[in-house]
C-alpha atoms as a PDB file:
ATOM      1  CA  MET A   1      89.027 -16.724 200.296  1.00  0.00           C
ATOM      2  CA  GLY A   2      89.294 -13.986 202.908  1.00  0.00           C
ATOM      3  CA  GLU A   3      90.739 -10.547 202.268  1.00  0.00           C
ATOM      4  CA  THR A   4      93.909  -9.019 203.638  1.00  0.00           C
ATOM      5  CA  ILE A   5      94.382  -5.244 203.591  1.00  0.00           C
ATOM      6  CA  PHE A   6      97.610  -3.336 203.020  1.00  0.00           C
ATOM      7  CA  PHE A   7      97.954   0.447 202.927  1.00  0.00           C
ATOM      8  CA  ARG A   8     100.216   2.176 200.426  1.00  0.00           C
ATOM      9  CA  ARG A   9     100.001   5.955 200.629  1.00  0.00           C
ATOM     10  CA  GLY A  10      99.824   7.554 197.181  1.00  0.00           C
ATOM     11  CA  TRP A  11      99.217   4.197 195.498  1.00  0.00           C
ATOM     12  CA  LYS A  12      98.064   4.303 191.876  1.00  0.00           C
ATOM     13  CA  PRO A  13      96.141   1.300 190.507  1.00  0.00           C
ATOM     14  CA  GLU A  14      98.418  -0.993 188.488  1.00  0.00           C
ATOM     15  CA  GLU A  15      97.498  -4.141 186.595  1.00  0.00           C
ATOM     16  CA  GLU A  16     100.191  -6.125 188.398  1.00  0.00           C
ATOM     17  CA  LEU A  17     101.023  -5.890 192.092  1.00  0.00           C
ATOM     18  CA  ARG A  18     104.501  -6.674 193.429  1.00  0.00           C
ATOM     19  CA  LEU A  19     104.489  -7.411 197.147  1.00  0.00           C
ATOM     20  CA  ASN A  20     107.331  -5.969 199.213  1.00  0.00           C
ATOM     21  CA  LYS A  21     109.323  -7.925 201.807  1.00  0.00           C
ATOM     22  CA  GLU A  22     107.262  -6.601 204.717  1.00  0.00           C
ATOM     23  CA  GLU A  23     103.991  -7.617 203.084  1.00  0.00           C
ATOM     24  CA  VAL A  24     105.310 -11.083 202.251  1.00  0.00           C
ATOM     25  CA  ALA A  25     106.498 -11.503 205.840  1.00  0.00           C
ATOM     26  CA  HIS A  26     103.051 -10.490 207.104  1.00  0.00           C
ATOM     27  CA  LEU A  27     101.351 -13.063 204.867  1.00  0.00           C
ATOM     28  CA  ARG A  28     103.765 -15.735 206.066  1.00  0.00           C
ATOM     29  CA  ALA A  29     103.016 -14.789 209.681  1.00  0.00           C
ATOM     30  CA  LEU A  30      99.306 -15.226 208.918  1.00  0.00           C
ATOM     31  CA  ARG A  31     100.151 -18.606 207.332  1.00  0.00           C
ATOM     32  CA  ILE A  32      98.386 -17.718 204.094  1.00  0.00           C
ATOM     33  CA  PHE A  33     101.352 -17.007 201.816  1.00  0.00           C
ATOM     34  CA  SER A  34     101.134 -20.567 200.460  1.00  0.00           C
ATOM     35  CA  GLU A  35      97.432 -20.110 199.661  1.00  0.00           C
ATOM     36  CA  THR A  36      95.669 -18.291 196.824  1.00  0.00           C
ATOM     37  CA  LYS A  37      94.285 -15.116 198.364  1.00  0.00           C
ATOM     38  CA  ASN A  38      92.575 -11.778 197.759  1.00  0.00           C
ATOM     39  CA  LEU A  39      94.415  -8.618 198.754  1.00  0.00           C
ATOM     40  CA  ARG A  40      93.150  -5.059 198.980  1.00  0.00           C
ATOM     41  CA  ILE A  41      95.599  -2.218 198.467  1.00  0.00           C
ATOM     42  CA  LEU A  42      94.288   1.084 199.806  1.00  0.00           C
ATOM     43  CA  ASP A  43      95.883   4.498 199.451  1.00  0.00           C
ATOM     44  CA  GLY A  44      94.171   5.780 202.633  1.00  0.00           C
ATOM     45  CA  ASN A  45      92.333   8.460 200.691  1.00  0.00           C
ATOM     46  CA  GLY A  46      89.523   6.486 199.035  1.00  0.00           C
ATOM     47  CA  ALA A  47      91.177   4.319 196.353  1.00  0.00           C
ATOM     48  CA  ASP A  48      90.560   0.611 196.941  1.00  0.00           C
ATOM     49  CA  CYS A  49      92.260  -1.936 194.637  1.00  0.00           C
ATOM     50  CA  PHE A  50      91.430  -5.651 194.714  1.00  0.00           C
ATOM     51  CA  TYR A  51      94.118  -8.143 193.658  1.00  0.00           C
ATOM     52  CA  GLU A  52      94.240 -11.914 193.382  1.00  0.00           C
ATOM     53  CA  VAL A  53      97.555 -13.434 194.440  1.00  0.00           C
ATOM     54  CA  LYS A  54      98.316 -17.060 193.630  1.00  0.00           C
ATOM     55  CA  ALA A  55      99.700 -19.455 196.241  1.00  0.00           C
ATOM     56  CA  GLY A  56     103.371 -18.864 197.013  1.00  0.00           C
ATOM     57  CA  SER A  57     103.614 -15.845 194.680  1.00  0.00           C
ATOM     58  CA  ASP A  58     104.676 -12.290 195.457  1.00  0.00           C
ATOM     59  CA  ARG A  59     102.712 -10.925 192.485  1.00  0.00           C
ATOM     60  CA  GLY A  60      99.021 -10.169 192.128  1.00  0.00           C
ATOM     61  CA  ILE A  61      96.617  -9.401 189.282  1.00  0.00           C
ATOM     62  CA  LEU A  62      94.181  -6.481 189.534  1.00  0.00           C
ATOM     63  CA  ARG A  63      90.543  -7.618 189.559  1.00  0.00           C
ATOM     64  CA  LYS A  64      88.717  -4.352 190.265  1.00  0.00           C
ATOM     65  CA  THR A  65      89.110  -0.842 191.635  1.00  0.00           C
ATOM     66  CA  GLU A  66      86.669   1.151 193.756  1.00  0.00           C
ATOM     67  CA  ILE A  67      86.788   4.827 194.707  1.00  0.00           C
ATOM     68  CA  HIS A  68      85.041   5.627 197.975  1.00  0.00           C
ATOM     69  CA  PRO A  69      83.571   9.105 198.579  1.00  0.00           C
ATOM     70  CA  LYS A  70      85.687  11.330 200.805  1.00  0.00           C
ATOM     71  CA  GLU A  71      84.732  11.569 204.459  1.00  0.00           C
ATOM     72  CA  ARG A  72      82.923  14.849 205.156  1.00  0.00           C
ATOM     73  CA  PHE A  73      83.323  15.100 208.904  1.00  0.00           C
ATOM     74  CA  VAL A  74      86.098  15.691 211.410  1.00  0.00           C
ATOM     75  CA  ALA A  75      86.406  13.658 214.613  1.00  0.00           C
ATOM     76  CA  GLY A  76      89.755  14.730 215.997  1.00  0.00           C
ATOM     77  CA  ILE A  77      91.880  15.164 219.077  1.00  0.00           C
ATOM     78  CA  ALA A  78      94.736  17.601 219.707  1.00  0.00           C
ATOM     79  CA  THR A  79      96.598  16.196 222.652  1.00  0.00           C
ATOM     80  CA  ALA A  80      99.718  16.266 224.746  1.00  0.00           C
ATOM     81  CA  ILE A  81     102.041  13.359 223.926  1.00  0.00           C
ATOM     82  CA  PRO A  82     101.518  10.411 226.293  1.00  0.00           C
ATOM     83  CA  LYS A  83     104.583   8.823 227.882  1.00  0.00           C
ATOM     84  CA  GLY A  84     106.009   5.422 226.929  1.00  0.00           C
ATOM     85  CA  ASN A  85     103.984   2.979 224.885  1.00  0.00           C
ATOM     86  CA  ARG A  86     100.753   4.780 225.764  1.00  0.00           C
ATOM     87  CA  LEU A  87     101.260   6.919 222.643  1.00  0.00           C
ATOM     88  CA  GLU A  88     101.114   3.822 220.435  1.00  0.00           C
ATOM     89  CA  TRP A  89      98.080   2.581 222.347  1.00  0.00           C
ATOM     90  CA  LEU A  90      96.265   5.895 221.817  1.00  0.00           C
ATOM     91  CA  LEU A  91      97.053   5.904 218.084  1.00  0.00           C
ATOM     92  CA  GLN A  92      95.963   2.306 217.679  1.00  0.00           C
ATOM     93  CA  LYS A  93      92.711   2.463 219.619  1.00  0.00           C
ATOM     94  CA  GLY A  94      91.826   5.940 218.362  1.00  0.00           C
ATOM     95  CA  THR A  95      92.200   4.726 214.781  1.00  0.00           C
ATOM     96  CA  GLU A  96      90.047   1.663 215.483  1.00  0.00           C
ATOM     97  CA  LEU A  97      87.344   3.897 216.982  1.00  0.00           C
ATOM     98  CA  GLY A  98      87.309   6.117 213.907  1.00  0.00           C
ATOM     99  CA  LEU A  99      89.202   9.293 214.770  1.00  0.00           C
ATOM    100  CA  THR A 100      89.947  11.235 211.593  1.00  0.00           C
ATOM    101  CA  HIS A 101      92.634  13.573 212.955  1.00  0.00           C
ATOM    102  CA  PHE A 102      95.424  13.305 215.515  1.00  0.00           C
ATOM    103  CA  TYR A 103      97.403  16.421 216.484  1.00  0.00           C
ATOM    104  CA  PHE A 104     100.210  15.971 219.012  1.00  0.00           C
ATOM    105  CA  LEU A 105     101.120  19.122 220.908  1.00  0.00           C
ATOM    106  CA  ASN A 106     103.889  20.321 223.199  1.00  0.00           C
ATOM    107  CA  PHE A 107     102.655  22.316 226.196  1.00  0.00           C
ATOM    108  CA  GLU A 108     104.542  24.344 228.802  1.00  0.00           C
ATOM    109  CA  GLN A 109     104.669  21.438 231.231  1.00  0.00           C
ATOM    110  CA  SER A 110     104.612  18.482 228.851  1.00  0.00           C
ATOM    111  CA  ASP A 111     106.430  15.472 230.319  1.00  0.00           C
ATOM    112  CA  ARG A 112     107.203  14.162 226.828  1.00  0.00           C
ATOM    113  CA  ARG A 113     108.095  16.251 223.782  1.00  0.00           C
ATOM    114  CA  ASP A 114     109.615  13.790 221.308  1.00  0.00           C
ATOM    115  CA  PHE A 115     107.380  12.466 218.548  1.00  0.00           C
ATOM    116  CA  ASN A 116     108.209  10.004 215.744  1.00  0.00           C
ATOM    117  CA  LEU A 117     105.829  10.830 212.900  1.00  0.00           C
ATOM    118  CA  GLU A 118     106.948   7.962 210.653  1.00  0.00           C
ATOM    119  CA  ARG A 119     106.368   5.386 213.384  1.00  0.00           C
ATOM    120  CA  SER A 120     103.010   6.955 214.263  1.00  0.00           C
ATOM    121  CA  LEU A 121     101.829   6.761 210.647  1.00  0.00           C
ATOM    122  CA  LYS A 122     102.799   3.089 210.548  1.00  0.00           C
ATOM    123  CA  ILE A 123     100.762   2.369 213.682  1.00  0.00           C
ATOM    124  CA  THR A 124      97.659   4.010 212.205  1.00  0.00           C
ATOM    125  CA  GLU A 125      98.078   1.995 208.982  1.00  0.00           C
ATOM    126  CA  GLU A 126      98.249  -1.280 210.912  1.00  0.00           C
ATOM    127  CA  ALA A 127      95.240  -0.354 213.060  1.00  0.00           C
ATOM    128  CA  ALA A 128      93.234   0.773 210.027  1.00  0.00           C
ATOM    129  CA  ALA A 129      94.002  -2.480 208.202  1.00  0.00           C
ATOM    130  CA  GLN A 130      92.998  -4.535 211.242  1.00  0.00           C
ATOM    131  CA  SER A 131      89.731  -2.648 211.677  1.00  0.00           C
ATOM    132  CA  LYS A 132      89.085  -2.495 207.899  1.00  0.00           C
ATOM    133  CA  ARG A 133      88.973   1.287 207.653  1.00  0.00           C
ATOM    134  CA  ILE A 134      89.091   2.762 204.159  1.00  0.00           C
ATOM    135  CA  PHE A 135      90.466   6.186 205.064  1.00  0.00           C
ATOM    136  CA  LEU A 136      93.596   6.762 207.110  1.00  0.00           C
ATOM    137  CA  PRO A 137      93.503   9.396 209.848  1.00  0.00           C
ATOM    138  CA  SER A 138      95.612  12.517 209.491  1.00  0.00           C
ATOM    139  CA  VAL A 139      98.522  12.613 211.958  1.00  0.00           C
ATOM    140  CA  ARG A 140     100.531  15.785 212.682  1.00  0.00           C
ATOM    141  CA  GLY A 141     103.091  16.762 215.266  1.00  0.00           C
ATOM    142  CA  PRO A 142     104.838  17.889 217.256  1.00  0.00           C
ATOM    143  CA  LEU A 143     103.236  21.342 217.288  1.00  0.00           C
ATOM    144  CA  SER A 144     103.017  24.086 219.866  1.00  0.00           C
ATOM    145  CA  LEU A 145      99.564  25.056 221.067  1.00  0.00           C
ATOM    146  CA  ARG A 146      99.826  28.373 219.215  1.00  0.00           C
ATOM    147  CA  GLU A 147     100.932  26.666 215.975  1.00  0.00           C
ATOM    148  CA  PHE A 148      97.918  24.381 216.186  1.00  0.00           C
ATOM    149  CA  LEU A 149      95.429  27.138 216.948  1.00  0.00           C
ATOM    150  CA  GLU A 150      96.746  29.472 214.247  1.00  0.00           C
ATOM    151  CA  ASP A 151      97.016  26.834 211.515  1.00  0.00           C
ATOM    152  CA  PRO A 152      94.498  27.937 208.836  1.00  0.00           C
ATOM    153  CA  GLY A 153      93.468  24.328 208.213  1.00  0.00           C
ATOM    154  CA  THR A 154      92.505  23.631 211.812  1.00  0.00           C
ATOM    155  CA  ARG A 155      89.183  25.483 211.844  1.00  0.00           C
ATOM    156  CA  ASN A 156      88.567  26.371 208.220  1.00  0.00           C
ATOM    157  CA  GLU A 157      88.281  22.759 207.110  1.00  0.00           C
ATOM    158  CA  ASP A 158      84.537  22.051 206.933  1.00  0.00           C
ATOM    159  CA  ARG A 159      83.809  24.602 209.702  1.00  0.00           C
ATOM    160  CA  VAL A 160      85.453  22.632 212.478  1.00  0.00           C
ATOM    161  CA  SER A 161      84.731  23.616 216.098  1.00  0.00           C
ATOM    162  CA  LEU A 162      87.268  23.331 218.925  1.00  0.00           C
ATOM    163  CA  TYR A 163      86.662  22.374 222.557  1.00  0.00           C
ATOM    164  CA  ARG A 164      89.001  21.546 225.399  1.00  0.00           C
ATOM    165  CA  LEU A 165      88.530  18.908 228.083  1.00  0.00           C
ATOM    166  CA  ASP A 166      89.027  20.768 231.338  1.00  0.00           C
ATOM    167  CA  PRO A 167      87.790  19.866 234.846  1.00  0.00           C
ATOM    168  CA  ARG A 168      87.503  23.625 235.456  1.00  0.00           C
ATOM    169  CA  GLY A 169      85.478  24.213 232.291  1.00  0.00           C
ATOM    170  CA  GLU A 170      82.220  26.117 232.409  1.00  0.00           C
ATOM    171  CA  SER A 171      80.240  23.826 230.078  1.00  0.00           C
ATOM    172  CA  ASN A 172      79.016  20.261 230.406  1.00  0.00           C
ATOM    173  CA  LEU A 173      79.154  17.659 227.635  1.00  0.00           C
ATOM    174  CA  LYS A 174      76.543  17.944 224.874  1.00  0.00           C
ATOM    175  CA  PRO A 175      75.970  15.761 221.789  1.00  0.00           C
ATOM    176  CA  GLU A 176      76.556  18.680 219.423  1.00  0.00           C
ATOM    177  CA  PHE A 177      80.109  18.983 220.778  1.00  0.00           C
ATOM    178  CA  PHE A 178      80.951  15.784 218.885  1.00  0.00           C
ATOM    179  CA  ARG A 179      79.848  16.836 215.408  1.00  0.00           C
ATOM    180  CA  ASN A 180      82.714  18.045 213.242  1.00  0.00           C
ATOM    181  CA  THR A 181      84.978  18.965 216.133  1.00  0.00           C
ATOM    182  CA  ILE A 182      88.491  18.622 217.515  1.00  0.00           C
ATOM    183  CA  TRP A 183      89.014  18.131 221.248  1.00  0.00           C
ATOM    184  CA  LEU A 184      92.063  19.571 223.005  1.00  0.00           C
ATOM    185  CA  ILE A 185      93.625  17.490 225.776  1.00  0.00           C
ATOM    186  CA  GLY A 186      96.275  19.077 227.971  1.00  0.00           C
ATOM    187  CA  PRO A 187      99.323  17.573 229.707  1.00  0.00           C
ATOM    188  CA  GLU A 188      99.382  15.849 233.080  1.00  0.00           C
ATOM    189  CA  GLY A 189      98.733  18.673 235.539  1.00  0.00           C
ATOM    190  CA  GLY A 190      96.558  20.641 233.152  1.00  0.00           C
ATOM    191  CA  PHE A 191      96.856  23.810 231.088  1.00  0.00           C
ATOM    192  CA  ARG A 192      99.052  26.660 232.353  1.00  0.00           C
ATOM    193  CA  LYS A 193      97.780  30.221 232.829  1.00  0.00           C
ATOM    194  CA  ALA A 194      99.219  31.520 229.538  1.00  0.00           C
ATOM    195  CA  GLU A 195      97.737  28.576 227.652  1.00  0.00           C
ATOM    196  CA  LEU A 196      94.308  29.155 229.153  1.00  0.00           C
ATOM    197  CA  GLU A 197      94.523  32.816 228.165  1.00  0.00           C
ATOM    198  CA  LEU A 198      95.432  31.806 224.603  1.00  0.00           C
ATOM    199  CA  LEU A 199      92.546  29.327 224.455  1.00  0.00           C
ATOM    200  CA  ASP A 200      90.137  32.002 225.682  1.00  0.00           C
ATOM    201  CA  GLU A 201      91.540  34.421 223.103  1.00  0.00           C
ATOM    202  CA  LYS A 202      90.871  31.853 220.374  1.00  0.00           C
ATOM    203  CA  ASP A 203      87.342  31.126 221.711  1.00  0.00           C
ATOM    204  CA  VAL A 204      87.987  27.507 222.693  1.00  0.00           C
ATOM    205  CA  PRO A 205      85.516  26.724 225.498  1.00  0.00           C
ATOM    206  CA  GLY A 206      86.371  24.413 228.373  1.00  0.00           C
ATOM    207  CA  VAL A 207      84.103  21.423 228.934  1.00  0.00           C
ATOM    208  CA  GLN A 208      83.912  19.198 232.012  1.00  0.00           C
ATOM    209  CA  ALA A 209      83.885  15.417 231.673  1.00  0.00           C
ATOM    210  CA  GLY A 210      82.953  14.397 235.193  1.00  0.00           C
ATOM    211  CA  ASN A 211      84.661  14.822 238.530  1.00  0.00           C
ATOM    212  CA  SER A 212      87.650  12.511 238.054  1.00  0.00           C
ATOM    213  CA  ILE A 213      90.944  13.528 236.409  1.00  0.00           C
ATOM    214  CA  LEU A 214      91.713  11.538 233.259  1.00  0.00           C
ATOM    215  CA  LYS A 215      95.156  10.633 231.967  1.00  0.00           C
ATOM    216  CA  ILE A 216      96.057  11.887 228.497  1.00  0.00           C
ATOM    217  CA  GLU A 217      95.379   8.625 226.679  1.00  0.00           C
ATOM    218  CA  THR A 218      92.206   7.969 228.705  1.00  0.00           C
ATOM    219  CA  ALA A 219      90.842  11.385 227.759  1.00  0.00           C
ATOM    220  CA  GLY A 220      91.692  10.728 224.098  1.00  0.00           C
ATOM    221  CA  LEU A 221      89.822   7.442 224.073  1.00  0.00           C
ATOM    222  CA  PHE A 222      86.942   9.006 225.996  1.00  0.00           C
ATOM    223  CA  ALA A 223      86.538  11.586 223.217  1.00  0.00           C
ATOM    224  CA  ALA A 224      86.972   8.939 220.496  1.00  0.00           C
ATOM    225  CA  SER A 225      84.278   6.743 222.038  1.00  0.00           C
ATOM    226  CA  LEU A 226      81.802   9.617 222.210  1.00  0.00           C
ATOM    227  CA  PHE A 227      82.549  10.570 218.600  1.00  0.00           C
ATOM    228  CA  ARG A 228      81.758   7.003 217.577  1.00  0.00           C
ATOM    229  CA  PHE A 229      78.623   6.832 219.719  1.00  0.00           C
ATOM    230  CA  PHE A 230      77.093  10.061 218.464  1.00  0.00           C
ATOM    231  CA  THR A 231      78.050   9.362 214.828  1.00  0.00           C
ATOM    232  CA  TYR A 232      76.504   5.890 215.024  1.00  0.00           C
ATOM    233  CA  SER A 233      73.415   7.196 216.828  1.00  0.00           C
ATOM    234  CA  LYS A 234      72.945   9.875 214.194  1.00  0.00           C
ATOM    235  CA  ASN A 235      73.215   7.295 211.400  1.00  0.00           C
ATOM    236  CA  CYS A 236      70.732   4.995 213.127  1.00  0.00           C
ATOM    237  CA  THR A 237      68.290   7.860 213.576  1.00  0.00           C
ATOM    238  CA  SER A 238      68.584   8.788 209.893  1.00  0.00           C
ATOM    239  CA  GLU A 239      67.967   5.194 208.797  1.00  0.00           C
ATOM    240  CA  THR A 240      64.873   4.751 210.972  1.00  0.00           C
ATOM    241  CA  ASN A 241      63.185   8.044 210.119  1.00  0.00           C
END
């Protein structure tokens, strides 16, 4: 029997699981509701509960529980809100690639300012289940640039560093920029003068990522891919030494 993953934030292990209508509908769509199956219920914060569900039943019996150690690194982006369905695409693909934090910001010349947090959380849950992630990413927004920069948790959590993707930046990309960091991505058209002054005041260096101008969601996935590459490379190096 294969395993199907569902996320329930704040879930506490219970001996009997009662599936909700959405979960039953998902199992029917997968054409496995009429089969005996194994389900994993994750709380997104390390608790992992394994249930056996009999064919055609909406109830499961707990078989075992595992607690996974908390992630000790930050791989995040703080970005302008992409237009249309590109926001969902960024959330989905960023979650699959392993981003741990999403911050969605409103800038002076943001084209889009609305942000549905509940819908965004749902997208990350679906993407995490599909990619078999244990931990859900943190999602926050909408925030102003100043609110983000002056939030005590932004930089104090595990000594996080901040960088901004900027074609006018003075630095070039380096591997160490993707170790416990959050990358800022501005709106279409770039950061305004006052925003650049605030970023300089808060010691957030600008870094170039080549000569071409990237769209918001492209820049987000660019950062996510490099986070994944350098994390994987570091793990491979540790295992071979």
